Amino acid sequence: MNRKTDLRFATLGPAGTNHEFVTRNYLAFHGLVDAELILVDDFFEGLAMMNTGRVEFMVQVAVHPDCAAVVAKAHFDYGIHVIDCFIAPGKELGILTRAEVADPRTLALQPATSSYADLSAWPDQIPTASIMRVAEGLLNGDYDSGLTALELVERHPGRFRVDAVIGAVDDPWLLYGRKRVAVAGLVAWPESPASRWFRSPIG
């Protein structure tokens, strides 16, 4: 099957986010090796870019705090719809603390990750836009600790200790497009793993 490759996808930046990581995996899965990936500061910017034709598609994790508002604005303001969904693990996550901080008090995190671990040891929790903004703040010394990608430890040896390993979380992801696919009702994958389990339940 021939695939159109000169497509443009938007997702949440900056470079290194889970959104970039998962979107690139999604593009690779579909063989869209020449598709252009554009990183945006927020999903409302991405919707505006779709509305003006700057990009054709946008990928968003369904657990993002803005997801419900983005779905509504897309549908009612722009005529943009959810046209695909999939499950994908993100990056390996953990709680990192700057090596020189003996008694950390401030913890930066993306709000969607706030239930991933017991954060009660950090009295001051600071919401940030993405796990990479957390990483940038840690590198700049803005926070004592941060819930971010574990790869930061390998990239900056000696600068951080790992206070907790969270691992990769399997999240639901949405793809937005201009052409509605649910015109006749439910759209689902009839041969999904769940569908097979419904027919032949496993223990």
N, C-alpha and C. Protein backbone atom coordinates (compact mmCIF):
# COMPACT_ATOMS: atom_id res chain seq x y z
N MET A 1 0.85 -1.19 0.00
CA MET A 1 0.00 0.00 0.00
C MET A 1 0.89 1.24 0.00
N ASN A 2 0.57 2.17 -0.87
CA ASN A 2 1.33 3.41 -0.92
C ASN A 2 0.91 4.32 0.22
N ARG A 3 1.87 4.95 0.85
CA ARG A 3 1.59 5.85 1.96
C ARG A 3 2.02 7.27 1.60
N LYS A 4 1.16 8.24 1.91
CA LYS A 4 1.51 9.63 1.71
C LYS A 4 2.52 10.01 2.78
N THR A 5 3.65 10.56 2.39
CA THR A 5 4.71 10.83 3.37
C THR A 5 4.93 12.31 3.63
N ASP A 6 4.37 13.20 2.80
CA ASP A 6 4.59 14.62 3.01
C ASP A 6 3.51 15.20 3.92
N LEU A 7 3.38 14.58 5.10
CA LEU A 7 2.38 14.98 6.07
C LEU A 7 3.05 15.68 7.24
N ARG A 8 2.26 16.52 7.92
CA ARG A 8 2.78 17.28 9.06
C ARG A 8 1.94 16.98 10.29
N PHE A 9 2.64 16.60 11.35
CA PHE A 9 2.01 16.26 12.62
C PHE A 9 2.50 17.22 13.69
N ALA A 10 1.59 17.68 14.54
CA ALA A 10 1.96 18.50 15.69
C ALA A 10 1.84 17.67 16.96
N THR A 11 2.70 17.95 17.91
CA THR A 11 2.55 17.39 19.25
C THR A 11 3.31 18.28 20.23
N LEU A 12 3.22 17.94 21.49
CA LEU A 12 3.74 18.82 22.55
C LEU A 12 5.26 18.77 22.64
N GLY A 13 5.89 19.93 22.63
CA GLY A 13 7.31 20.04 22.85
C GLY A 13 7.61 20.38 24.30
N PRO A 14 8.88 20.67 24.60
CA PRO A 14 10.02 20.79 23.68
C PRO A 14 10.56 19.41 23.28
N ALA A 15 11.66 19.42 22.56
CA ALA A 15 12.28 18.17 22.13
C ALA A 15 12.57 17.28 23.33
N GLY A 16 12.27 16.00 23.18
CA GLY A 16 12.55 15.04 24.25
C GLY A 16 11.34 14.66 25.08
N THR A 17 10.18 15.27 24.83
CA THR A 17 8.99 14.93 25.60
C THR A 17 8.51 13.53 25.29
N ASN A 18 7.67 13.01 26.17
CA ASN A 18 6.98 11.75 25.88
C ASN A 18 6.16 11.88 24.60
N HIS A 19 5.56 13.06 24.40
CA HIS A 19 4.76 13.28 23.20
C HIS A 19 5.60 13.13 21.94
N GLU A 20 6.79 13.70 21.93
CA GLU A 20 7.65 13.53 20.76
C GLU A 20 8.04 12.06 20.60
N PHE A 21 8.45 11.44 21.69
CA PHE A 21 8.90 10.04 21.68
C PHE A 21 7.81 9.12 21.11
N VAL A 22 6.59 9.25 21.63
CA VAL A 22 5.50 8.37 21.21
C VAL A 22 5.05 8.70 19.79
N THR A 23 4.98 9.99 19.44
CA THR A 23 4.55 10.36 18.10
C THR A 23 5.52 9.83 17.05
N ARG A 24 6.81 9.91 17.32
CA ARG A 24 7.78 9.36 16.37
C ARG A 24 7.61 7.85 16.23
N ASN A 25 7.30 7.17 17.32
CA ASN A 25 7.04 5.73 17.24
C ASN A 25 5.77 5.44 16.42
N TYR A 26 4.76 6.28 16.57
CA TYR A 26 3.52 6.13 15.82
C TYR A 26 3.77 6.33 14.32
N LEU A 27 4.55 7.35 13.99
CA LEU A 27 4.87 7.60 12.58
C LEU A 27 5.67 6.44 12.00
N ALA A 28 6.61 5.92 12.77
CA ALA A 28 7.40 4.78 12.30
C ALA A 28 6.51 3.55 12.10
N PHE A 29 5.57 3.34 13.00
CA PHE A 29 4.65 2.21 12.90
C PHE A 29 3.89 2.25 11.59
N HIS A 30 3.49 3.45 11.15
CA HIS A 30 2.73 3.61 9.91
C HIS A 30 3.63 3.82 8.69
N GLY A 31 4.94 3.74 8.87
CA GLY A 31 5.85 3.89 7.75
C GLY A 31 5.94 5.30 7.21
N LEU A 32 5.59 6.29 8.03
CA LEU A 32 5.62 7.69 7.59
C LEU A 32 6.99 8.30 7.89
N VAL A 33 7.99 7.76 7.23
CA VAL A 33 9.37 8.13 7.55
C VAL A 33 9.70 9.56 7.14
N ASP A 34 8.97 10.12 6.21
CA ASP A 34 9.23 11.48 5.76
C ASP A 34 8.27 12.51 6.33
N ALA A 35 7.39 12.07 7.21
CA ALA A 35 6.45 13.02 7.80
C ALA A 35 7.20 14.04 8.66
N GLU A 36 6.71 15.26 8.67
CA GLU A 36 7.33 16.32 9.46
C GLU A 36 6.65 16.40 10.81
N LEU A 37 7.44 16.46 11.86
CA LEU A 37 6.92 16.58 13.22
C LEU A 37 7.20 17.99 13.73
N ILE A 38 6.16 18.69 14.11
CA ILE A 38 6.27 20.07 14.59
C ILE A 38 5.89 20.09 16.07
N LEU A 39 6.78 20.60 16.90
CA LEU A 39 6.56 20.65 18.34
C LEU A 39 5.94 21.99 18.73
N VAL A 40 4.87 21.93 19.52
CA VAL A 40 4.15 23.13 19.92
C VAL A 40 4.22 23.30 21.43
N ASP A 41 3.94 24.52 21.89
CA ASP A 41 3.98 24.80 23.32
C ASP A 41 2.74 24.30 24.05
N ASP A 42 1.61 24.27 23.35
CA ASP A 42 0.38 23.71 23.93
C ASP A 42 -0.53 23.25 22.80
N PHE A 43 -1.55 22.48 23.16
CA PHE A 43 -2.40 21.85 22.16
C PHE A 43 -3.36 22.83 21.50
N PHE A 44 -3.64 23.93 22.15
CA PHE A 44 -4.50 24.94 21.53
C PHE A 44 -3.76 25.62 20.37
N GLU A 45 -2.46 25.79 20.52
CA GLU A 45 -1.65 26.26 19.41
C GLU A 45 -1.69 25.24 18.27
N GLY A 46 -1.61 23.97 18.62
CA GLY A 46 -1.68 22.93 17.61
C GLY A 46 -3.00 22.93 16.86
N LEU A 47 -4.12 23.13 17.58
CA LEU A 47 -5.41 23.21 16.92
C LEU A 47 -5.47 24.39 15.95
N ALA A 48 -4.94 25.53 16.37
CA ALA A 48 -4.93 26.70 15.50
C ALA A 48 -4.11 26.43 14.24
N MET A 49 -3.00 25.71 14.39
CA MET A 49 -2.18 25.36 13.23
C MET A 49 -2.93 24.41 12.29
N MET A 50 -3.69 23.48 12.86
CA MET A 50 -4.51 22.60 12.03
C MET A 50 -5.56 23.41 11.29
N ASN A 51 -6.16 24.37 11.97
CA ASN A 51 -7.23 25.17 11.38
C ASN A 51 -6.75 25.99 10.18
N THR A 52 -5.50 26.42 10.22
CA THR A 52 -4.96 27.23 9.12
C THR A 52 -4.22 26.38 8.09
N GLY A 53 -4.17 25.06 8.30
CA GLY A 53 -3.53 24.19 7.33
C GLY A 53 -2.04 24.05 7.50
N ARG A 54 -1.50 24.57 8.61
CA ARG A 54 -0.05 24.45 8.84
C ARG A 54 0.34 23.01 9.11
N VAL A 55 -0.52 22.27 9.79
CA VAL A 55 -0.32 20.84 10.02
C VAL A 55 -1.63 20.11 9.73
N GLU A 56 -1.52 18.84 9.40
CA GLU A 56 -2.72 18.05 9.11
C GLU A 56 -3.24 17.28 10.32
N PHE A 57 -2.35 16.90 11.23
CA PHE A 57 -2.73 16.04 12.34
C PHE A 57 -2.06 16.50 13.64
N MET A 58 -2.61 16.05 14.76
CA MET A 58 -2.01 16.35 16.06
C MET A 58 -2.18 15.14 16.97
N VAL A 59 -1.15 14.84 17.75
CA VAL A 59 -1.17 13.72 18.69
C VAL A 59 -1.16 14.27 20.12
N GLN A 60 -2.05 13.72 20.96
CA GLN A 60 -2.13 14.14 22.36
C GLN A 60 -2.41 12.93 23.23
N VAL A 61 -1.74 12.87 24.38
CA VAL A 61 -2.04 11.79 25.32
C VAL A 61 -3.38 12.11 25.99
N ALA A 62 -4.20 11.08 26.14
CA ALA A 62 -5.56 11.28 26.65
C ALA A 62 -5.60 11.66 28.12
N VAL A 63 -4.50 11.46 28.85
CA VAL A 63 -4.49 11.80 30.27
C VAL A 63 -3.96 13.22 30.51
N HIS A 64 -3.66 13.95 29.44
CA HIS A 64 -3.18 15.32 29.62
C HIS A 64 -4.28 16.17 30.25
N PRO A 65 -3.94 17.06 31.18
CA PRO A 65 -4.97 17.86 31.86
C PRO A 65 -5.85 18.68 30.92
N ASP A 66 -5.34 19.06 29.76
CA ASP A 66 -6.11 19.86 28.82
C ASP A 66 -6.93 19.03 27.84
N CYS A 67 -6.90 17.72 27.96
CA CYS A 67 -7.46 16.87 26.91
C CYS A 67 -8.96 17.14 26.67
N ALA A 68 -9.76 17.19 27.73
CA ALA A 68 -11.20 17.39 27.55
C ALA A 68 -11.49 18.72 26.87
N ALA A 69 -10.76 19.76 27.29
CA ALA A 69 -10.96 21.08 26.69
C ALA A 69 -10.52 21.10 25.23
N VAL A 70 -9.45 20.37 24.91
CA VAL A 70 -8.95 20.33 23.53
C VAL A 70 -9.94 19.59 22.64
N VAL A 71 -10.47 18.46 23.12
CA VAL A 71 -11.46 17.71 22.33
C VAL A 71 -12.67 18.59 22.04
N ALA A 72 -13.15 19.31 23.05
CA ALA A 72 -14.32 20.17 22.87
C ALA A 72 -14.04 21.32 21.91
N LYS A 73 -12.92 22.00 22.09
CA LYS A 73 -12.59 23.14 21.22
C LYS A 73 -12.37 22.66 19.79
N ALA A 74 -11.70 21.53 19.64
CA ALA A 74 -11.48 20.98 18.31
C ALA A 74 -12.82 20.75 17.61
N HIS A 75 -13.74 20.10 18.29
CA HIS A 75 -15.01 19.72 17.70
C HIS A 75 -15.90 20.93 17.40
N PHE A 76 -16.08 21.79 18.40
CA PHE A 76 -17.07 22.86 18.28
C PHE A 76 -16.54 24.12 17.61
N ASP A 77 -15.27 24.43 17.79
CA ASP A 77 -14.72 25.67 17.23
C ASP A 77 -14.09 25.48 15.85
N TYR A 78 -13.51 24.29 15.61
CA TYR A 78 -12.73 24.12 14.39
C TYR A 78 -13.24 23.01 13.47
N GLY A 79 -14.17 22.19 13.92
CA GLY A 79 -14.58 21.05 13.10
C GLY A 79 -13.47 20.02 12.94
N ILE A 80 -12.64 19.90 13.97
CA ILE A 80 -11.55 18.93 14.02
C ILE A 80 -11.97 17.80 14.96
N HIS A 81 -11.60 16.57 14.63
CA HIS A 81 -12.12 15.43 15.38
C HIS A 81 -11.00 14.46 15.78
N VAL A 82 -11.30 13.65 16.78
CA VAL A 82 -10.44 12.51 17.09
C VAL A 82 -10.67 11.46 16.01
N ILE A 83 -9.60 11.07 15.31
CA ILE A 83 -9.75 10.14 14.19
C ILE A 83 -9.02 8.82 14.41
N ASP A 84 -8.23 8.72 15.46
CA ASP A 84 -7.54 7.47 15.77
C ASP A 84 -7.16 7.49 17.23
N CYS A 85 -6.98 6.30 17.80
CA CYS A 85 -6.48 6.20 19.17
C CYS A 85 -5.62 4.93 19.24
N PHE A 86 -4.66 4.97 20.16
CA PHE A 86 -3.77 3.83 20.30
C PHE A 86 -3.19 3.82 21.70
N ILE A 87 -2.56 2.71 22.06
CA ILE A 87 -1.93 2.55 23.37
C ILE A 87 -0.43 2.48 23.17
N ALA A 88 0.31 3.24 23.96
CA ALA A 88 1.76 3.22 23.83
C ALA A 88 2.42 3.58 25.15
N PRO A 89 3.51 2.90 25.49
CA PRO A 89 4.28 3.30 26.67
C PRO A 89 5.12 4.52 26.36
N GLY A 90 5.30 5.35 27.36
CA GLY A 90 6.19 6.50 27.21
C GLY A 90 7.60 6.15 27.64
N LYS A 91 8.36 7.17 27.98
CA LYS A 91 9.73 6.98 28.44
C LYS A 91 9.74 6.41 29.86
N GLU A 92 10.86 5.81 30.21
CA GLU A 92 11.06 5.36 31.59
C GLU A 92 11.18 6.59 32.48
N LEU A 93 10.34 6.63 33.51
CA LEU A 93 10.30 7.80 34.39
C LEU A 93 10.84 7.49 35.78
N GLY A 94 11.18 8.53 36.49
CA GLY A 94 11.63 8.40 37.87
C GLY A 94 11.61 9.75 38.55
N ILE A 95 11.84 9.73 39.84
CA ILE A 95 12.00 10.98 40.59
C ILE A 95 13.49 11.18 40.81
N LEU A 96 14.01 12.26 40.27
CA LEU A 96 15.43 12.59 40.34
C LEU A 96 15.63 13.79 41.24
N THR A 97 16.73 13.76 41.98
CA THR A 97 17.09 14.87 42.85
C THR A 97 18.51 15.31 42.54
N ARG A 98 18.74 16.61 42.55
CA ARG A 98 20.10 17.13 42.32
C ARG A 98 21.04 16.59 43.39
N ALA A 99 22.19 16.12 42.97
CA ALA A 99 23.09 15.39 43.85
C ALA A 99 23.51 16.19 45.08
N GLU A 100 23.59 17.51 44.97
CA GLU A 100 24.05 18.33 46.09
C GLU A 100 22.95 18.65 47.09
N VAL A 101 21.72 18.25 46.83
CA VAL A 101 20.60 18.56 47.72
C VAL A 101 20.36 17.39 48.65
N ALA A 102 20.64 17.59 49.94
CA ALA A 102 20.50 16.51 50.91
C ALA A 102 19.06 16.33 51.37
N ASP A 103 18.34 17.44 51.50
CA ASP A 103 16.96 17.39 52.01
C ASP A 103 16.04 18.10 51.03
N PRO A 104 15.64 17.43 49.96
CA PRO A 104 14.83 18.10 48.93
C PRO A 104 13.44 18.48 49.43
N ARG A 105 12.99 19.65 49.01
CA ARG A 105 11.66 20.12 49.39
C ARG A 105 10.79 20.43 48.17
N THR A 106 11.40 20.90 47.09
CA THR A 106 10.63 21.25 45.90
C THR A 106 10.69 20.12 44.88
N LEU A 107 9.53 19.81 44.31
CA LEU A 107 9.43 18.76 43.30
C LEU A 107 8.64 19.30 42.12
N ALA A 108 9.24 19.29 40.93
CA ALA A 108 8.55 19.70 39.72
C ALA A 108 7.97 18.47 39.03
N LEU A 109 6.80 18.62 38.44
CA LEU A 109 6.18 17.50 37.75
C LEU A 109 5.12 18.01 36.79
N GLN A 110 4.88 17.20 35.76
CA GLN A 110 3.75 17.45 34.88
C GLN A 110 2.51 16.94 35.62
N PRO A 111 1.43 17.74 35.72
CA PRO A 111 0.29 17.35 36.56
C PRO A 111 -0.29 15.97 36.27
N ALA A 112 -0.22 15.51 35.01
CA ALA A 112 -0.76 14.20 34.69
C ALA A 112 -0.01 13.07 35.38
N THR A 113 1.21 13.34 35.87
CA THR A 113 2.01 12.30 36.52
C THR A 113 1.90 12.33 38.04
N SER A 114 1.02 13.17 38.57
CA SER A 114 1.00 13.39 40.02
C SER A 114 0.59 12.16 40.82
N SER A 115 -0.06 11.20 40.19
CA SER A 115 -0.48 9.98 40.89
C SER A 115 0.44 8.80 40.62
N TYR A 116 1.58 9.04 39.99
CA TYR A 116 2.47 7.95 39.61
C TYR A 116 3.32 7.44 40.78
N ALA A 117 3.42 8.23 41.85
CA ALA A 117 4.27 7.84 42.97
C ALA A 117 3.82 8.59 44.22
N ASP A 118 4.30 8.14 45.36
CA ASP A 118 4.04 8.83 46.63
C ASP A 118 4.93 10.08 46.68
N LEU A 119 4.31 11.23 46.63
CA LEU A 119 5.05 12.50 46.59
C LEU A 119 5.00 13.25 47.92
N SER A 120 4.57 12.56 48.97
CA SER A 120 4.35 13.24 50.25
C SER A 120 5.64 13.76 50.87
N ALA A 121 6.80 13.25 50.47
CA ALA A 121 8.07 13.72 51.04
C ALA A 121 8.46 15.11 50.54
N TRP A 122 7.78 15.60 49.51
CA TRP A 122 8.09 16.92 48.94
C TRP A 122 6.95 17.89 49.25
N PRO A 123 7.14 18.79 50.20
CA PRO A 123 6.05 19.70 50.59
C PRO A 123 5.67 20.71 49.51
N ASP A 124 6.60 21.05 48.65
CA ASP A 124 6.34 22.05 47.61
C ASP A 124 6.38 21.37 46.24
N GLN A 125 5.22 21.19 45.63
CA GLN A 125 5.12 20.54 44.33
C GLN A 125 4.73 21.57 43.27
N ILE A 126 5.53 21.63 42.21
CA ILE A 126 5.43 22.70 41.23
C ILE A 126 4.99 22.11 39.89
N PRO A 127 3.80 22.47 39.39
CA PRO A 127 3.35 21.95 38.10
C PRO A 127 4.13 22.57 36.94
N THR A 128 4.48 21.76 35.96
CA THR A 128 5.18 22.24 34.78
C THR A 128 4.50 21.66 33.53
N ALA A 129 4.86 22.20 32.37
CA ALA A 129 4.16 21.85 31.13
C ALA A 129 4.48 20.46 30.63
N SER A 130 5.67 19.94 30.89
CA SER A 130 6.06 18.63 30.36
C SER A 130 7.23 18.09 31.17
N ILE A 131 7.51 16.79 30.99
CA ILE A 131 8.64 16.19 31.71
C ILE A 131 9.97 16.81 31.28
N MET A 132 10.05 17.33 30.06
CA MET A 132 11.29 17.96 29.62
C MET A 132 11.46 19.34 30.22
N ARG A 133 10.37 20.04 30.50
CA ARG A 133 10.47 21.30 31.24
C ARG A 133 10.95 21.02 32.67
N VAL A 134 10.52 19.89 33.21
CA VAL A 134 11.04 19.47 34.52
C VAL A 134 12.54 19.27 34.42
N ALA A 135 12.98 18.55 33.40
CA ALA A 135 14.41 18.28 33.23
C ALA A 135 15.21 19.57 33.08
N GLU A 136 14.69 20.50 32.29
CA GLU A 136 15.38 21.79 32.11
C GLU A 136 15.52 22.52 33.42
N GLY A 137 14.44 22.51 34.22
CA GLY A 137 14.48 23.18 35.52
C GLY A 137 15.49 22.55 36.47
N LEU A 138 15.57 21.22 36.46
CA LEU A 138 16.56 20.53 37.29
C LEU A 138 17.98 20.92 36.87
N LEU A 139 18.22 20.94 35.57
CA LEU A 139 19.55 21.29 35.08
C LEU A 139 19.91 22.73 35.42
N ASN A 140 18.91 23.59 35.48
CA ASN A 140 19.14 25.00 35.82
C ASN A 140 19.19 25.25 37.32
N GLY A 141 18.90 24.21 38.13
CA GLY A 141 18.89 24.37 39.57
C GLY A 141 17.65 25.03 40.12
N ASP A 142 16.55 25.03 39.32
CA ASP A 142 15.32 25.68 39.76
C ASP A 142 14.56 24.86 40.80
N TYR A 143 14.72 23.55 40.78
CA TYR A 143 14.01 22.66 41.70
C TYR A 143 15.00 21.71 42.36
N ASP A 144 14.61 21.21 43.54
CA ASP A 144 15.42 20.20 44.19
C ASP A 144 15.28 18.86 43.47
N SER A 145 14.03 18.51 43.16
CA SER A 145 13.72 17.21 42.57
C SER A 145 12.74 17.39 41.41
N GLY A 146 12.61 16.32 40.64
CA GLY A 146 11.66 16.37 39.54
C GLY A 146 11.25 14.98 39.11
N LEU A 147 10.01 14.84 38.68
CA LEU A 147 9.53 13.59 38.11
C LEU A 147 9.69 13.73 36.61
N THR A 148 10.65 13.00 36.07
CA THR A 148 11.02 13.20 34.68
C THR A 148 11.63 11.92 34.11
N ALA A 149 12.17 12.00 32.92
CA ALA A 149 12.73 10.82 32.26
C ALA A 149 14.03 10.39 32.93
N LEU A 150 14.17 9.09 33.18
CA LEU A 150 15.38 8.57 33.81
C LEU A 150 16.62 8.78 32.95
N GLU A 151 16.44 8.94 31.65
CA GLU A 151 17.58 9.13 30.76
C GLU A 151 18.41 10.35 31.14
N LEU A 152 17.83 11.26 31.90
CA LEU A 152 18.57 12.46 32.32
C LEU A 152 19.78 12.08 33.16
N VAL A 153 19.67 11.01 33.93
CA VAL A 153 20.78 10.57 34.78
C VAL A 153 21.96 10.12 33.92
N GLU A 154 21.67 9.37 32.86
CA GLU A 154 22.73 8.89 31.97
C GLU A 154 23.35 10.02 31.18
N ARG A 155 22.56 10.98 30.80
CA ARG A 155 23.06 12.09 30.00
C ARG A 155 23.90 13.08 30.80
N HIS A 156 23.69 13.10 32.11
CA HIS A 156 24.43 14.04 32.97
C HIS A 156 24.96 13.29 34.19
N PRO A 157 25.99 12.46 33.99
CA PRO A 157 26.52 11.62 35.07
C PRO A 157 26.95 12.45 36.29
N GLY A 158 26.56 11.98 37.45
CA GLY A 158 26.98 12.60 38.70
C GLY A 158 26.14 13.77 39.15
N ARG A 159 25.23 14.24 38.33
CA ARG A 159 24.46 15.43 38.70
C ARG A 159 23.19 15.11 39.47
N PHE A 160 22.72 13.86 39.35
CA PHE A 160 21.44 13.52 39.98
C PHE A 160 21.51 12.15 40.64
N ARG A 161 20.68 11.98 41.65
CA ARG A 161 20.44 10.65 42.20
C ARG A 161 18.99 10.28 41.94
N VAL A 162 18.72 8.99 41.91
CA VAL A 162 17.38 8.50 41.63
C VAL A 162 16.70 8.17 42.95
N ASP A 163 15.67 8.92 43.30
CA ASP A 163 14.94 8.68 44.54
C ASP A 163 13.82 7.65 44.35
N ALA A 164 13.33 7.50 43.14
CA ALA A 164 12.29 6.50 42.87
C ALA A 164 12.29 6.17 41.39
N VAL A 165 12.17 4.89 41.09
CA VAL A 165 12.01 4.44 39.70
C VAL A 165 10.53 4.15 39.47
N ILE A 166 9.94 4.81 38.49
CA ILE A 166 8.52 4.64 38.17
C ILE A 166 8.34 3.71 36.98
N GLY A 167 9.20 3.84 36.00
CA GLY A 167 9.11 3.02 34.80
C GLY A 167 8.26 3.69 33.72
N ALA A 168 7.91 2.91 32.70
CA ALA A 168 7.12 3.42 31.58
C ALA A 168 5.65 3.09 31.81
N VAL A 169 4.79 4.07 31.57
CA VAL A 169 3.35 3.90 31.76
C VAL A 169 2.68 3.72 30.40
N ASP A 170 1.77 2.75 30.32
CA ASP A 170 1.01 2.54 29.09
C ASP A 170 -0.17 3.51 29.07
N ASP A 171 -0.10 4.49 28.18
CA ASP A 171 -1.13 5.52 28.11
C ASP A 171 -1.98 5.40 26.86
N PRO A 172 -3.22 5.90 26.91
CA PRO A 172 -4.02 6.04 25.69
C PRO A 172 -3.66 7.35 24.99
N TRP A 173 -3.57 7.31 23.67
CA TRP A 173 -3.18 8.47 22.87
C TRP A 173 -4.23 8.75 21.80
N LEU A 174 -4.41 10.02 21.47
CA LEU A 174 -5.39 10.44 20.49
C LEU A 174 -4.71 11.09 19.29
N LEU A 175 -5.30 10.87 18.12
CA LEU A 175 -4.87 11.56 16.91
C LEU A 175 -6.03 12.40 16.41
N TYR A 176 -5.77 13.69 16.19
CA TYR A 176 -6.77 14.61 15.68
C TYR A 176 -6.58 14.80 14.18
N GLY A 177 -7.71 14.92 13.46
CA GLY A 177 -7.67 15.19 12.03
C GLY A 177 -8.90 15.98 11.61
N ARG A 178 -8.93 16.38 10.35
CA ARG A 178 -10.01 17.22 9.86
C ARG A 178 -11.25 16.44 9.44
N LYS A 179 -11.08 15.19 9.02
CA LYS A 179 -12.20 14.43 8.50
C LYS A 179 -12.75 13.49 9.57
N ARG A 180 -14.00 13.65 9.91
CA ARG A 180 -14.61 12.85 10.97
C ARG A 180 -14.71 11.39 10.54
N VAL A 181 -14.36 10.47 11.44
CA VAL A 181 -14.43 9.04 11.13
C VAL A 181 -15.61 8.35 11.82
N ALA A 182 -16.17 8.96 12.86
CA ALA A 182 -17.24 8.31 13.62
C ALA A 182 -18.62 8.72 13.10
N VAL A 183 -18.76 8.90 11.80
CA VAL A 183 -20.02 9.39 11.23
C VAL A 183 -21.14 8.37 11.38
N ALA A 184 -20.81 7.09 11.45
CA ALA A 184 -21.84 6.06 11.56
C ALA A 184 -21.93 5.47 12.97
N GLY A 185 -21.23 6.08 13.91
CA GLY A 185 -21.27 5.56 15.27
C GLY A 185 -19.91 5.06 15.71
N LEU A 186 -19.93 4.00 16.50
CA LEU A 186 -18.73 3.47 17.13
C LEU A 186 -17.67 3.08 16.09
N VAL A 187 -16.43 3.50 16.37
CA VAL A 187 -15.28 3.06 15.58
C VAL A 187 -14.35 2.31 16.53
N ALA A 188 -14.12 1.03 16.27
CA ALA A 188 -13.28 0.22 17.15
C ALA A 188 -12.54 -0.82 16.32
N TRP A 189 -11.53 -1.42 16.94
CA TRP A 189 -10.69 -2.42 16.29
C TRP A 189 -11.27 -3.80 16.61
N PRO A 190 -11.95 -4.44 15.64
CA PRO A 190 -12.63 -5.71 15.95
C PRO A 190 -11.70 -6.86 16.30
N GLU A 191 -10.44 -6.76 15.89
CA GLU A 191 -9.49 -7.84 16.20
C GLU A 191 -8.47 -7.40 17.25
N SER A 192 -8.87 -6.47 18.10
CA SER A 192 -7.96 -6.01 19.15
C SER A 192 -7.69 -7.13 20.14
N PRO A 193 -6.60 -7.04 20.92
CA PRO A 193 -6.37 -8.05 21.96
C PRO A 193 -7.55 -8.20 22.91
N ALA A 194 -8.17 -7.07 23.28
CA ALA A 194 -9.33 -7.16 24.18
C ALA A 194 -10.46 -7.93 23.53
N SER A 195 -10.71 -7.68 22.23
CA SER A 195 -11.78 -8.39 21.52
C SER A 195 -11.52 -9.90 21.51
N ARG A 196 -10.28 -10.28 21.31
CA ARG A 196 -9.95 -11.71 21.32
C ARG A 196 -10.16 -12.31 22.70
N TRP A 197 -9.84 -11.52 23.75
CA TRP A 197 -10.03 -12.02 25.10
C TRP A 197 -11.52 -12.16 25.44
N PHE A 198 -12.36 -11.27 24.87
CA PHE A 198 -13.79 -11.39 25.11
C PHE A 198 -14.31 -12.74 24.60
N ARG A 199 -13.77 -13.19 23.48
CA ARG A 199 -14.22 -14.44 22.87
C ARG A 199 -13.59 -15.65 23.56
N SER A 200 -12.36 -15.49 24.02
CA SER A 200 -11.65 -16.60 24.69
C SER A 200 -10.94 -16.04 25.90
N PRO A 201 -11.68 -15.80 27.00
CA PRO A 201 -11.08 -15.18 28.18
C PRO A 201 -9.88 -15.96 28.69
N ILE A 202 -8.90 -15.20 29.16
CA ILE A 202 -7.70 -15.82 29.73
C ILE A 202 -7.63 -15.46 31.20
N GLY A 203 -6.90 -16.26 31.97
CA GLY A 203 -6.79 -16.01 33.39
C GLY A 203 -5.75 -14.98 33.71
